[in-house]
């Protein structure tokens, strides 16, 4: 796919199989890397993990917003300080709000109280922004409310992208690429619609056409 893709996402499945060497290979080939490991641990551990990811040269990484303010603060501090020390651009630190596989019922089961998904996303986004995160990961449904609440410069990374209106998988809160772009998404994350397609390159070009690339 080459430069047709801005960032290549490496999630926990690929990380477990291939580890940091895969990141190094992508970067050596001139590809940008989005390290989507959703760090969530005590602040000192996350600080070390983010520092290591920054040293690898990733351009964007994720932490779990529900890890709390201190944890996210440790992550943003580690990214900034490590980047300064090694003379490299700081990676974007984005906080995962509510997974796109979750709806209100599932969220209630997790938290123990009933709350609209959008309200939870916005609250977590404000918390992330207050401690220096560059943006959040949220479903396409929350793009406009997030931009309104946190401002246009706050980065919104959007998974849950599907090419058709009725998804046949576990994404519950989704939009098409065109809809997400029109709503103001800064990055769209697309996996299965490309790699499960009969012709992945054609699928990618269809997505690029939808978002005007």
N, C-alpha and C. Protein backbone atom coordinates (compact mmCIF):
# COMPACT_ATOMS: atom_id res chain seq x y z
N UNK A 1 0.82 -1.22 0.00
CA UNK A 1 0.00 0.00 0.00
C UNK A 1 0.85 1.27 0.00
N UNK A 2 2.07 1.16 0.51
CA UNK A 2 3.00 2.29 0.47
C UNK A 2 2.46 3.55 1.11
N UNK A 3 2.62 4.67 0.39
CA UNK A 3 2.21 5.96 0.92
C UNK A 3 0.71 6.21 0.80
N UNK A 4 -0.03 5.25 0.29
CA UNK A 4 -1.49 5.40 0.24
C UNK A 4 -2.09 5.44 1.65
N UNK A 5 -1.33 4.94 2.61
CA UNK A 5 -1.77 4.91 4.01
C UNK A 5 -0.87 5.83 4.82
N UNK A 6 -1.48 6.71 5.62
CA UNK A 6 -0.70 7.66 6.41
C UNK A 6 0.04 6.98 7.55
N UNK A 7 -0.66 6.14 8.31
CA UNK A 7 -0.05 5.42 9.43
C UNK A 7 -0.51 3.97 9.40
N UNK A 8 0.40 3.07 9.68
CA UNK A 8 0.06 1.65 9.78
C UNK A 8 -0.15 1.30 11.25
N UNK A 9 -1.33 0.80 11.54
CA UNK A 9 -1.67 0.49 12.93
C UNK A 9 -1.13 -0.88 13.34
N UNK A 10 -0.40 -0.90 14.43
CA UNK A 10 0.06 -2.15 15.03
C UNK A 10 -0.66 -2.30 16.36
N UNK A 11 -1.54 -3.29 16.41
CA UNK A 11 -2.31 -3.55 17.62
C UNK A 11 -1.71 -4.67 18.43
N UNK A 12 -2.43 -5.07 19.47
CA UNK A 12 -1.87 -6.06 20.39
C UNK A 12 -1.66 -7.42 19.74
N UNK A 13 -2.48 -7.76 18.74
CA UNK A 13 -2.32 -9.06 18.09
C UNK A 13 -0.98 -9.14 17.35
N UNK A 14 -0.68 -8.12 16.55
CA UNK A 14 0.60 -8.10 15.83
C UNK A 14 1.77 -7.92 16.80
N UNK A 15 1.57 -7.14 17.84
CA UNK A 15 2.64 -6.90 18.81
C UNK A 15 3.04 -8.19 19.51
N UNK A 16 2.04 -9.00 19.89
CA UNK A 16 2.34 -10.26 20.56
C UNK A 16 3.09 -11.21 19.63
N UNK A 17 2.73 -11.19 18.35
CA UNK A 17 3.38 -12.09 17.39
C UNK A 17 4.78 -11.61 17.00
N UNK A 18 4.93 -10.31 16.81
CA UNK A 18 6.16 -9.80 16.19
C UNK A 18 6.98 -8.85 17.06
N UNK A 19 6.35 -8.21 18.03
CA UNK A 19 7.08 -7.34 18.94
C UNK A 19 7.62 -6.07 18.30
N UNK A 20 8.54 -5.39 18.98
CA UNK A 20 9.05 -4.11 18.50
C UNK A 20 9.81 -4.19 17.18
N UNK A 21 10.28 -5.38 16.82
CA UNK A 21 11.02 -5.50 15.57
C UNK A 21 10.14 -5.14 14.38
N UNK A 22 8.84 -5.45 14.47
CA UNK A 22 7.93 -5.10 13.38
C UNK A 22 7.84 -3.58 13.24
N UNK A 23 7.78 -2.88 14.36
CA UNK A 23 7.76 -1.42 14.32
C UNK A 23 9.02 -0.90 13.63
N UNK A 24 10.15 -1.45 14.00
CA UNK A 24 11.42 -1.01 13.40
C UNK A 24 11.42 -1.25 11.89
N UNK A 25 10.86 -2.38 11.46
CA UNK A 25 10.82 -2.69 10.03
C UNK A 25 9.96 -1.68 9.27
N UNK A 26 8.80 -1.36 9.82
CA UNK A 26 7.92 -0.38 9.18
C UNK A 26 8.62 0.97 9.07
N UNK A 27 9.22 1.41 10.17
CA UNK A 27 9.87 2.72 10.18
C UNK A 27 11.07 2.75 9.24
N UNK A 28 11.83 1.66 9.19
CA UNK A 28 12.97 1.58 8.28
C UNK A 28 12.53 1.67 6.82
N UNK A 29 11.30 1.20 6.56
CA UNK A 29 10.76 1.26 5.20
C UNK A 29 10.12 2.61 4.89
N UNK A 30 10.16 3.52 5.85
CA UNK A 30 9.60 4.85 5.63
C UNK A 30 8.14 4.99 5.95
N UNK A 31 7.58 4.00 6.65
CA UNK A 31 6.16 4.03 6.98
C UNK A 31 5.94 4.59 8.38
N UNK A 32 4.87 5.37 8.53
CA UNK A 32 4.50 5.86 9.85
C UNK A 32 3.78 4.78 10.63
N UNK A 33 3.96 4.75 11.94
CA UNK A 33 3.37 3.71 12.77
C UNK A 33 2.46 4.30 13.84
N UNK A 34 1.26 3.74 13.92
CA UNK A 34 0.31 4.03 14.99
C UNK A 34 0.32 2.82 15.91
N UNK A 35 0.93 2.97 17.09
CA UNK A 35 1.05 1.86 18.03
C UNK A 35 -0.18 1.84 18.94
N UNK A 36 -1.08 0.93 18.64
CA UNK A 36 -2.37 0.88 19.34
C UNK A 36 -2.37 -0.25 20.37
N UNK A 37 -1.64 -0.03 21.46
CA UNK A 37 -1.55 -1.04 22.53
C UNK A 37 -2.43 -0.69 23.73
N UNK A 38 -3.05 0.48 23.68
CA UNK A 38 -4.00 0.88 24.72
C UNK A 38 -3.42 0.70 26.12
N UNK A 39 -2.31 1.35 26.37
CA UNK A 39 -1.64 1.21 27.67
C UNK A 39 -2.59 1.54 28.82
N UNK A 40 -2.64 0.66 29.80
CA UNK A 40 -3.46 0.89 30.99
C UNK A 40 -2.83 0.14 32.15
N UNK A 41 -2.17 0.88 33.03
CA UNK A 41 -1.48 0.27 34.17
C UNK A 41 -1.21 1.39 35.17
N UNK A 42 -0.43 1.11 36.20
CA UNK A 42 -0.07 2.17 37.12
C UNK A 42 0.79 3.19 36.38
N UNK A 43 0.76 4.46 36.81
CA UNK A 43 1.45 5.51 36.06
C UNK A 43 2.92 5.24 35.75
N UNK A 44 3.66 4.69 36.70
CA UNK A 44 5.10 4.48 36.47
C UNK A 44 5.35 3.46 35.36
N UNK A 45 4.51 2.44 35.27
CA UNK A 45 4.67 1.43 34.22
C UNK A 45 4.32 2.02 32.86
N UNK A 46 3.23 2.76 32.79
CA UNK A 46 2.83 3.38 31.53
C UNK A 46 3.87 4.40 31.09
N UNK A 47 4.43 5.12 32.02
CA UNK A 47 5.48 6.09 31.70
C UNK A 47 6.66 5.41 31.00
N UNK A 48 7.09 4.27 31.52
CA UNK A 48 8.20 3.53 30.91
C UNK A 48 7.82 2.99 29.53
N UNK A 49 6.59 2.50 29.41
CA UNK A 49 6.14 1.95 28.13
C UNK A 49 6.08 3.02 27.06
N UNK A 50 5.54 4.18 27.41
CA UNK A 50 5.44 5.27 26.44
C UNK A 50 6.82 5.80 26.07
N UNK A 51 7.71 5.85 27.03
CA UNK A 51 9.09 6.27 26.73
C UNK A 51 9.73 5.31 25.73
N UNK A 52 9.53 4.02 25.93
CA UNK A 52 10.09 3.02 25.01
C UNK A 52 9.48 3.14 23.62
N UNK A 53 8.17 3.38 23.57
CA UNK A 53 7.49 3.53 22.28
C UNK A 53 8.00 4.77 21.55
N UNK A 54 8.24 5.83 22.29
CA UNK A 54 8.78 7.05 21.70
C UNK A 54 10.17 6.81 21.13
N UNK A 55 10.98 6.07 21.85
CA UNK A 55 12.32 5.73 21.37
C UNK A 55 12.27 4.91 20.09
N UNK A 56 11.23 4.08 19.95
CA UNK A 56 11.07 3.29 18.72
C UNK A 56 10.79 4.18 17.52
N UNK A 57 10.17 5.33 17.75
CA UNK A 57 9.89 6.25 16.65
C UNK A 57 8.47 6.22 16.14
N UNK A 58 7.53 5.69 16.94
CA UNK A 58 6.14 5.68 16.50
C UNK A 58 5.61 7.10 16.43
N UNK A 59 4.63 7.32 15.58
CA UNK A 59 4.08 8.66 15.41
C UNK A 59 2.83 8.90 16.24
N UNK A 60 2.18 7.82 16.64
CA UNK A 60 0.99 7.95 17.47
C UNK A 60 0.85 6.70 18.32
N UNK A 61 0.35 6.87 19.56
CA UNK A 61 0.14 5.72 20.44
C UNK A 61 -1.09 5.96 21.30
N UNK A 62 -1.61 4.87 21.86
CA UNK A 62 -2.83 4.97 22.64
C UNK A 62 -2.63 4.58 24.09
N UNK A 63 -3.40 5.26 24.94
CA UNK A 63 -3.54 4.88 26.35
C UNK A 63 -5.03 4.78 26.63
N UNK A 64 -5.41 4.06 27.68
CA UNK A 64 -6.82 3.97 28.05
C UNK A 64 -7.19 5.14 28.95
N UNK A 65 -8.18 5.93 28.54
CA UNK A 65 -8.60 7.07 29.36
C UNK A 65 -9.07 6.63 30.74
N UNK A 66 -9.66 5.44 30.82
CA UNK A 66 -10.16 4.97 32.11
C UNK A 66 -9.03 4.57 33.05
N UNK A 67 -7.79 4.67 32.58
CA UNK A 67 -6.65 4.47 33.47
C UNK A 67 -6.47 5.64 34.42
N UNK A 68 -7.14 6.76 34.14
CA UNK A 68 -7.12 7.89 35.05
C UNK A 68 -6.20 9.02 34.67
N UNK A 69 -6.39 10.15 35.33
CA UNK A 69 -5.64 11.36 35.02
C UNK A 69 -4.15 11.20 35.26
N UNK A 70 -3.76 10.63 36.37
CA UNK A 70 -2.34 10.49 36.69
C UNK A 70 -1.62 9.61 35.69
N UNK A 71 -2.29 8.54 35.27
CA UNK A 71 -1.68 7.65 34.29
C UNK A 71 -1.50 8.36 32.95
N UNK A 72 -2.53 9.08 32.50
CA UNK A 72 -2.43 9.79 31.23
C UNK A 72 -1.39 10.90 31.31
N UNK A 73 -1.32 11.56 32.44
CA UNK A 73 -0.31 12.60 32.62
C UNK A 73 1.10 12.01 32.52
N UNK A 74 1.29 10.84 33.12
CA UNK A 74 2.59 10.16 33.04
C UNK A 74 2.94 9.84 31.60
N UNK A 75 1.93 9.44 30.82
CA UNK A 75 2.15 9.10 29.42
C UNK A 75 2.55 10.32 28.60
N UNK A 76 1.83 11.41 28.77
CA UNK A 76 2.14 12.61 27.99
C UNK A 76 3.50 13.17 28.38
N UNK A 77 3.82 13.10 29.65
CA UNK A 77 5.12 13.58 30.12
C UNK A 77 6.26 12.74 29.55
N UNK A 78 6.07 11.43 29.55
CA UNK A 78 7.10 10.52 29.03
C UNK A 78 7.33 10.75 27.55
N UNK A 79 6.26 10.94 26.79
CA UNK A 79 6.41 11.17 25.35
C UNK A 79 7.18 12.46 25.10
N UNK A 80 6.83 13.50 25.82
CA UNK A 80 7.48 14.80 25.62
C UNK A 80 8.95 14.78 26.02
N UNK A 81 9.23 14.28 27.22
CA UNK A 81 10.60 14.29 27.72
C UNK A 81 11.51 13.39 26.90
N UNK A 82 11.03 12.19 26.57
CA UNK A 82 11.85 11.26 25.79
C UNK A 82 12.14 11.82 24.41
N UNK A 83 11.13 12.40 23.77
CA UNK A 83 11.33 12.98 22.44
C UNK A 83 12.37 14.09 22.48
N UNK A 84 12.32 14.92 23.52
CA UNK A 84 13.30 16.00 23.66
C UNK A 84 14.71 15.43 23.86
N UNK A 85 14.81 14.38 24.65
CA UNK A 85 16.12 13.80 24.96
C UNK A 85 16.79 13.18 23.74
N UNK A 86 15.99 12.58 22.86
CA UNK A 86 16.58 11.90 21.71
C UNK A 86 16.50 12.73 20.43
N UNK A 87 15.93 13.94 20.53
CA UNK A 87 15.85 14.81 19.37
C UNK A 87 14.90 14.32 18.30
N UNK A 88 13.78 13.78 18.74
CA UNK A 88 12.80 13.23 17.80
C UNK A 88 11.44 13.90 18.05
N UNK A 89 10.62 13.95 17.01
CA UNK A 89 9.29 14.53 17.18
C UNK A 89 8.46 13.69 18.14
N UNK A 90 7.74 14.37 19.03
CA UNK A 90 6.91 13.68 20.00
C UNK A 90 5.75 12.96 19.31
N UNK A 91 5.49 11.71 19.68
CA UNK A 91 4.33 11.04 19.12
C UNK A 91 3.04 11.63 19.67
N UNK A 92 1.98 11.55 18.90
CA UNK A 92 0.67 11.93 19.40
C UNK A 92 0.24 10.90 20.44
N UNK A 93 -0.18 11.38 21.60
CA UNK A 93 -0.71 10.49 22.64
C UNK A 93 -2.22 10.66 22.64
N UNK A 94 -2.93 9.62 22.26
CA UNK A 94 -4.39 9.70 22.19
C UNK A 94 -5.00 8.69 23.16
N UNK A 95 -6.07 9.11 23.80
CA UNK A 95 -6.71 8.30 24.83
C UNK A 95 -7.93 7.58 24.29
N UNK A 96 -8.00 6.30 24.52
CA UNK A 96 -9.16 5.51 24.13
C UNK A 96 -10.29 5.80 25.12
N UNK A 97 -11.44 6.18 24.61
CA UNK A 97 -12.57 6.53 25.48
C UNK A 97 -13.43 5.30 25.75
N UNK A 98 -14.41 5.06 24.89
CA UNK A 98 -15.28 3.89 25.02
C UNK A 98 -15.14 3.07 23.74
N UNK A 99 -14.77 1.82 23.86
CA UNK A 99 -14.55 0.96 22.70
C UNK A 99 -15.78 0.94 21.80
N UNK A 100 -15.55 0.90 20.49
CA UNK A 100 -16.66 0.94 19.54
C UNK A 100 -17.49 -0.34 19.53
N UNK A 101 -17.04 -1.37 20.23
CA UNK A 101 -17.82 -2.60 20.36
C UNK A 101 -18.82 -2.53 21.52
N UNK A 102 -18.80 -1.42 22.27
CA UNK A 102 -19.66 -1.28 23.44
C UNK A 102 -20.83 -0.34 23.16
N UNK A 103 -22.00 -0.71 23.70
CA UNK A 103 -23.15 0.18 23.67
C UNK A 103 -23.52 0.54 25.11
N UNK A 104 -24.67 1.19 25.28
CA UNK A 104 -25.05 1.66 26.62
C UNK A 104 -25.20 0.51 27.60
N UNK A 105 -25.79 -0.59 27.15
CA UNK A 105 -25.99 -1.74 28.04
C UNK A 105 -24.66 -2.29 28.53
N UNK A 106 -23.73 -2.46 27.61
CA UNK A 106 -22.41 -2.99 27.98
C UNK A 106 -21.67 -2.02 28.90
N UNK A 107 -21.80 -0.73 28.62
CA UNK A 107 -21.14 0.27 29.45
C UNK A 107 -21.70 0.26 30.87
N UNK A 108 -23.01 0.06 30.99
CA UNK A 108 -23.64 -0.03 32.31
C UNK A 108 -23.13 -1.23 33.08
N UNK A 109 -22.96 -2.35 32.38
CA UNK A 109 -22.44 -3.56 33.03
C UNK A 109 -21.03 -3.32 33.58
N UNK A 110 -20.24 -2.55 32.87
CA UNK A 110 -18.85 -2.31 33.26
C UNK A 110 -18.76 -1.31 34.42
N UNK A 111 -19.51 -0.21 34.29
CA UNK A 111 -19.37 0.89 35.26
C UNK A 111 -20.28 0.75 36.48
N UNK A 112 -21.38 0.01 36.32
CA UNK A 112 -22.31 -0.15 37.43
C UNK A 112 -23.38 0.91 37.50
N UNK A 113 -23.37 1.85 36.57
CA UNK A 113 -24.44 2.86 36.53
C UNK A 113 -24.77 3.19 35.08
N UNK A 114 -26.00 3.61 34.87
CA UNK A 114 -26.49 3.87 33.52
C UNK A 114 -26.04 5.25 33.04
N UNK A 115 -25.47 5.29 31.87
CA UNK A 115 -24.99 6.55 31.30
C UNK A 115 -24.96 6.43 29.79
N UNK A 116 -25.36 7.49 29.11
CA UNK A 116 -25.26 7.50 27.66
C UNK A 116 -23.79 7.40 27.26
N UNK A 117 -23.54 6.62 26.22
CA UNK A 117 -22.16 6.44 25.76
C UNK A 117 -21.52 7.79 25.42
N UNK A 118 -22.25 8.63 24.73
CA UNK A 118 -21.69 9.93 24.33
C UNK A 118 -21.25 10.75 25.53
N UNK A 119 -22.05 10.75 26.59
CA UNK A 119 -21.69 11.52 27.78
C UNK A 119 -20.40 11.00 28.41
N UNK A 120 -20.26 9.68 28.43
CA UNK A 120 -19.06 9.08 28.99
C UNK A 120 -17.84 9.43 28.13
N UNK A 121 -18.00 9.36 26.82
CA UNK A 121 -16.91 9.70 25.90
C UNK A 121 -16.46 11.14 26.11
N UNK A 122 -17.42 12.05 26.19
CA UNK A 122 -17.08 13.47 26.35
C UNK A 122 -16.38 13.74 27.68
N UNK A 123 -16.84 13.09 28.74
CA UNK A 123 -16.20 13.27 30.05
C UNK A 123 -14.76 12.78 30.04
N UNK A 124 -14.54 11.61 29.44
CA UNK A 124 -13.19 11.07 29.36
C UNK A 124 -12.30 11.92 28.46
N UNK A 125 -12.88 12.46 27.39
CA UNK A 125 -12.11 13.31 26.49
C UNK A 125 -11.66 14.59 27.20
N UNK A 126 -12.55 15.18 27.97
CA UNK A 126 -12.18 16.39 28.71
C UNK A 126 -11.07 16.11 29.72
N UNK A 127 -11.16 14.95 30.36
CA UNK A 127 -10.12 14.56 31.31
C UNK A 127 -8.79 14.38 30.60
N UNK A 128 -8.83 13.69 29.46
CA UNK A 128 -7.60 13.46 28.68
C UNK A 128 -6.99 14.78 28.22
N UNK A 129 -7.82 15.67 27.75
CA UNK A 129 -7.33 16.97 27.28
C UNK A 129 -6.71 17.77 28.43
N UNK A 130 -7.29 17.67 29.61
CA UNK A 130 -6.81 18.45 30.75
C UNK A 130 -5.41 18.05 31.20
N UNK A 131 -5.00 16.83 30.88
CA UNK A 131 -3.67 16.37 31.30
C UNK A 131 -2.69 16.30 30.13
N UNK A 132 -3.07 16.89 29.00
CA UNK A 132 -2.12 17.04 27.91
C UNK A 132 -2.18 16.03 26.78
N UNK A 133 -3.18 15.15 26.77
CA UNK A 133 -3.30 14.23 25.64
C UNK A 133 -3.61 15.03 24.37
N UNK A 134 -3.11 14.54 23.25
CA UNK A 134 -3.30 15.24 21.98
C UNK A 134 -4.68 15.02 21.39
N UNK A 135 -5.34 13.96 21.83
CA UNK A 135 -6.65 13.65 21.28
C UNK A 135 -7.19 12.39 21.89
N UNK A 136 -8.23 11.87 21.25
CA UNK A 136 -8.88 10.66 21.75
C UNK A 136 -9.22 9.72 20.60
N UNK A 137 -9.46 8.48 20.96
CA UNK A 137 -10.03 7.51 20.05
C UNK A 137 -11.50 7.37 20.44
N UNK A 138 -12.38 7.57 19.48
CA UNK A 138 -13.81 7.48 19.76
C UNK A 138 -14.54 7.07 18.50
N UNK A 139 -15.76 6.59 18.65
CA UNK A 139 -16.52 6.14 17.49
C UNK A 139 -16.91 7.33 16.62
N UNK A 140 -17.24 7.08 15.36
CA UNK A 140 -17.66 8.16 14.48
C UNK A 140 -18.85 8.95 15.00
N UNK A 141 -19.69 8.30 15.79
CA UNK A 141 -20.89 8.96 16.30
C UNK A 141 -20.57 10.13 17.22
N UNK A 142 -19.38 10.11 17.81
CA UNK A 142 -19.04 11.16 18.78
C UNK A 142 -18.12 12.24 18.20
N UNK A 143 -17.81 12.18 16.92
CA UNK A 143 -16.85 13.14 16.34
C UNK A 143 -17.32 14.58 16.53
N UNK A 144 -18.52 14.89 16.08
CA UNK A 144 -19.00 16.27 16.15
C UNK A 144 -19.10 16.78 17.59
N UNK A 145 -19.71 16.01 18.50
CA UNK A 145 -19.75 16.47 19.90
C UNK A 145 -18.36 16.69 20.49
N UNK A 146 -17.40 15.83 20.13
CA UNK A 146 -16.04 15.99 20.64
C UNK A 146 -15.39 17.27 20.13
N UNK A 147 -15.55 17.55 18.85
CA UNK A 147 -14.96 18.76 18.29
C UNK A 147 -15.60 20.01 18.90
N UNK A 148 -16.90 19.93 19.17
CA UNK A 148 -17.59 21.05 19.79
C UNK A 148 -17.12 21.26 21.22
N UNK A 149 -16.94 20.18 21.97
CA UNK A 149 -16.58 20.27 23.38
C UNK A 149 -15.09 20.59 23.58
N UNK A 150 -14.23 19.95 22.80
CA UNK A 150 -12.78 20.04 23.04
C UNK A 150 -12.04 20.94 22.06
N UNK A 151 -12.72 21.40 21.03
CA UNK A 151 -12.10 22.30 20.07
C UNK A 151 -11.59 21.60 18.83
N UNK A 152 -11.44 22.34 17.73
CA UNK A 152 -11.07 21.74 16.45
C UNK A 152 -9.67 21.15 16.39
N UNK A 153 -8.76 21.62 17.26
CA UNK A 153 -7.38 21.12 17.22
C UNK A 153 -7.19 19.83 18.01
N UNK A 154 -8.18 19.46 18.79
CA UNK A 154 -8.11 18.21 19.56
C UNK A 154 -8.34 17.05 18.60
N UNK A 155 -7.35 16.18 18.49
CA UNK A 155 -7.36 15.12 17.47
C UNK A 155 -8.40 14.05 17.81
N UNK A 156 -9.18 13.69 16.81
CA UNK A 156 -10.14 12.59 16.96
C UNK A 156 -9.77 11.47 16.00
N UNK A 157 -9.42 10.34 16.56
CA UNK A 157 -9.08 9.13 15.80
C UNK A 157 -10.30 8.22 15.84
N UNK A 158 -10.73 7.79 14.66
CA UNK A 158 -12.02 7.12 14.57
C UNK A 158 -11.95 5.72 13.99
N UNK A 159 -12.10 4.70 14.83
CA UNK A 159 -12.32 3.35 14.31
C UNK A 159 -13.81 3.16 14.04
N UNK A 160 -14.25 1.93 13.85
CA UNK A 160 -15.66 1.71 13.57
C UNK A 160 -16.06 2.24 12.21
N UNK A 161 -15.15 2.14 11.24
CA UNK A 161 -15.41 2.58 9.88
C UNK A 161 -15.82 1.38 9.04
N UNK A 162 -16.94 1.49 8.39
CA UNK A 162 -17.44 0.42 7.53
C UNK A 162 -17.92 0.99 6.20
N UNK A 163 -17.80 0.20 5.14
CA UNK A 163 -18.16 0.67 3.81
C UNK A 163 -19.64 0.56 3.51
N UNK A 164 -20.35 -0.21 4.33
CA UNK A 164 -21.78 -0.35 4.12
C UNK A 164 -22.53 -0.01 5.40
N UNK A 165 -23.81 0.23 5.27
CA UNK A 165 -24.60 0.73 6.38
C UNK A 165 -24.86 -0.31 7.47
N UNK A 166 -24.95 -1.58 7.09
CA UNK A 166 -25.27 -2.61 8.07
C UNK A 166 -24.04 -3.47 8.34
N UNK A 167 -23.37 -3.28 9.46
CA UNK A 167 -22.17 -4.07 9.74
C UNK A 167 -22.52 -5.51 10.08
N UNK A 168 -21.62 -6.41 9.73
CA UNK A 168 -21.84 -7.82 10.02
C UNK A 168 -20.80 -8.33 11.01
N UNK A 169 -20.29 -7.41 11.85
CA UNK A 169 -19.28 -7.81 12.83
C UNK A 169 -19.57 -7.15 14.17
N UNK A 170 -18.55 -6.91 14.98
CA UNK A 170 -18.76 -6.46 16.36
C UNK A 170 -18.75 -4.95 16.54
N UNK A 171 -18.71 -4.19 15.45
CA UNK A 171 -18.74 -2.74 15.59
C UNK A 171 -20.18 -2.27 15.72
N UNK A 172 -20.50 -1.62 16.83
CA UNK A 172 -21.87 -1.19 17.08
C UNK A 172 -22.09 0.29 16.77
N UNK A 173 -21.06 1.10 16.86
CA UNK A 173 -21.19 2.54 16.63
C UNK A 173 -20.26 2.89 15.48
N UNK A 174 -20.81 2.98 14.27
CA UNK A 174 -19.96 3.09 13.08
C UNK A 174 -20.54 4.09 12.08
N UNK A 175 -19.71 4.54 11.15
CA UNK A 175 -20.11 5.34 10.00
C UNK A 175 -19.26 4.91 8.81
N UNK A 176 -19.63 5.38 7.63
CA UNK A 176 -18.81 5.14 6.44
C UNK A 176 -17.63 6.12 6.47
N UNK A 177 -16.59 5.87 5.66
CA UNK A 177 -15.46 6.80 5.62
C UNK A 177 -15.88 8.23 5.28
N UNK A 178 -16.76 8.36 4.32
CA UNK A 178 -17.21 9.70 3.91
C UNK A 178 -17.92 10.41 5.05
N UNK A 179 -18.80 9.70 5.74
CA UNK A 179 -19.53 10.30 6.86
C UNK A 179 -18.58 10.73 7.98
N UNK A 180 -17.59 9.89 8.27
CA UNK A 180 -16.64 10.22 9.33
C UNK A 180 -15.80 11.44 8.95
N UNK A 181 -15.37 11.50 7.70
CA UNK A 181 -14.57 12.64 7.25
C UNK A 181 -15.38 13.92 7.30
N UNK A 182 -16.62 13.84 6.86
CA UNK A 182 -17.48 15.03 6.88
C UNK A 182 -17.77 15.50 8.30
N UNK A 183 -17.78 14.56 9.24
CA UNK A 183 -18.03 14.92 10.64
C UNK A 183 -16.83 15.59 11.29
N UNK A 184 -15.65 15.44 10.67
CA UNK A 184 -14.47 16.12 11.19
C UNK A 184 -13.38 15.22 11.75
N UNK A 185 -13.43 13.92 11.47
CA UNK A 185 -12.39 13.01 11.97
C UNK A 185 -11.02 13.42 11.42
N UNK A 186 -10.02 13.37 12.29
CA UNK A 186 -8.65 13.66 11.86
C UNK A 186 -7.97 12.43 11.28
N UNK A 187 -8.26 11.27 11.84
CA UNK A 187 -7.76 9.99 11.35
C UNK A 187 -8.90 8.98 11.39
N UNK A 188 -9.02 8.18 10.34
CA UNK A 188 -9.95 7.05 10.39
C UNK A 188 -9.12 5.76 10.41
N UNK A 189 -9.56 4.83 11.22
CA UNK A 189 -8.87 3.55 11.37
C UNK A 189 -9.68 2.49 10.64
N UNK A 190 -9.09 1.89 9.63
CA UNK A 190 -9.80 0.91 8.82
C UNK A 190 -8.99 -0.37 8.75
N UNK A 191 -9.58 -1.47 9.19
CA UNK A 191 -8.89 -2.75 9.17
C UNK A 191 -9.60 -3.76 8.31
N UNK A 192 -10.61 -4.40 8.89
CA UNK A 192 -11.30 -5.49 8.20
C UNK A 192 -11.88 -5.13 6.84
N UNK A 193 -12.46 -3.93 6.65
CA UNK A 193 -12.97 -3.61 5.31
C UNK A 193 -11.90 -3.65 4.23
N UNK A 194 -10.63 -3.53 4.63
CA UNK A 194 -9.53 -3.63 3.66
C UNK A 194 -8.98 -5.04 3.60
N UNK A 195 -8.50 -5.57 4.74
CA UNK A 195 -7.78 -6.85 4.67
C UNK A 195 -8.69 -8.06 4.48
N UNK A 196 -10.00 -7.89 4.70
CA UNK A 196 -10.92 -9.00 4.43
C UNK A 196 -11.58 -8.87 3.06
N UNK A 197 -11.26 -7.81 2.34
CA UNK A 197 -11.85 -7.61 1.02
C UNK A 197 -11.24 -8.57 0.01
N UNK A 198 -12.02 -8.90 -1.03
CA UNK A 198 -11.52 -9.76 -2.10
C UNK A 198 -10.33 -9.11 -2.79
N UNK A 199 -10.37 -7.79 -2.92
CA UNK A 199 -9.27 -7.02 -3.50
C UNK A 199 -8.94 -5.87 -2.55
N UNK A 200 -8.02 -6.06 -1.62
CA UNK A 200 -7.72 -5.04 -0.62
C UNK A 200 -7.32 -3.69 -1.21
N UNK A 201 -6.54 -3.69 -2.29
CA UNK A 201 -6.10 -2.43 -2.87
C UNK A 201 -7.28 -1.63 -3.43
N UNK A 202 -8.20 -2.34 -4.07
CA UNK A 202 -9.40 -1.67 -4.59
C UNK A 202 -10.23 -1.11 -3.44
N UNK A 203 -10.36 -1.87 -2.37
CA UNK A 203 -11.10 -1.40 -1.20
C UNK A 203 -10.46 -0.14 -0.63
N UNK A 204 -9.12 -0.13 -0.57
CA UNK A 204 -8.42 1.04 -0.06
C UNK A 204 -8.67 2.26 -0.94
N UNK A 205 -8.63 2.07 -2.25
CA UNK A 205 -8.86 3.19 -3.16
C UNK A 205 -10.29 3.71 -3.05
N UNK A 206 -11.24 2.82 -2.80
CA UNK A 206 -12.63 3.25 -2.60
C UNK A 206 -12.73 4.14 -1.36
N UNK A 207 -12.03 3.76 -0.32
CA UNK A 207 -12.04 4.55 0.92
C UNK A 207 -11.39 5.91 0.68
N UNK A 208 -10.25 5.91 0.00
CA UNK A 208 -9.56 7.16 -0.29
C UNK A 208 -10.44 8.09 -1.13
N UNK A 209 -11.18 7.52 -2.06
CA UNK A 209 -12.07 8.33 -2.89
C UNK A 209 -13.18 8.95 -2.05
N UNK A 210 -13.68 8.18 -1.09
CA UNK A 210 -14.76 8.69 -0.23
C UNK A 210 -14.31 9.88 0.61
N UNK A 211 -13.04 9.87 1.03
CA UNK A 211 -12.56 10.95 1.90
C UNK A 211 -11.79 12.01 1.12
N UNK A 212 -11.83 11.90 -0.22
CA UNK A 212 -11.22 12.93 -1.06
C UNK A 212 -9.71 12.92 -1.08
N UNK A 213 -9.11 11.73 -1.00
CA UNK A 213 -7.65 11.62 -1.02
C UNK A 213 -7.16 11.08 -2.37
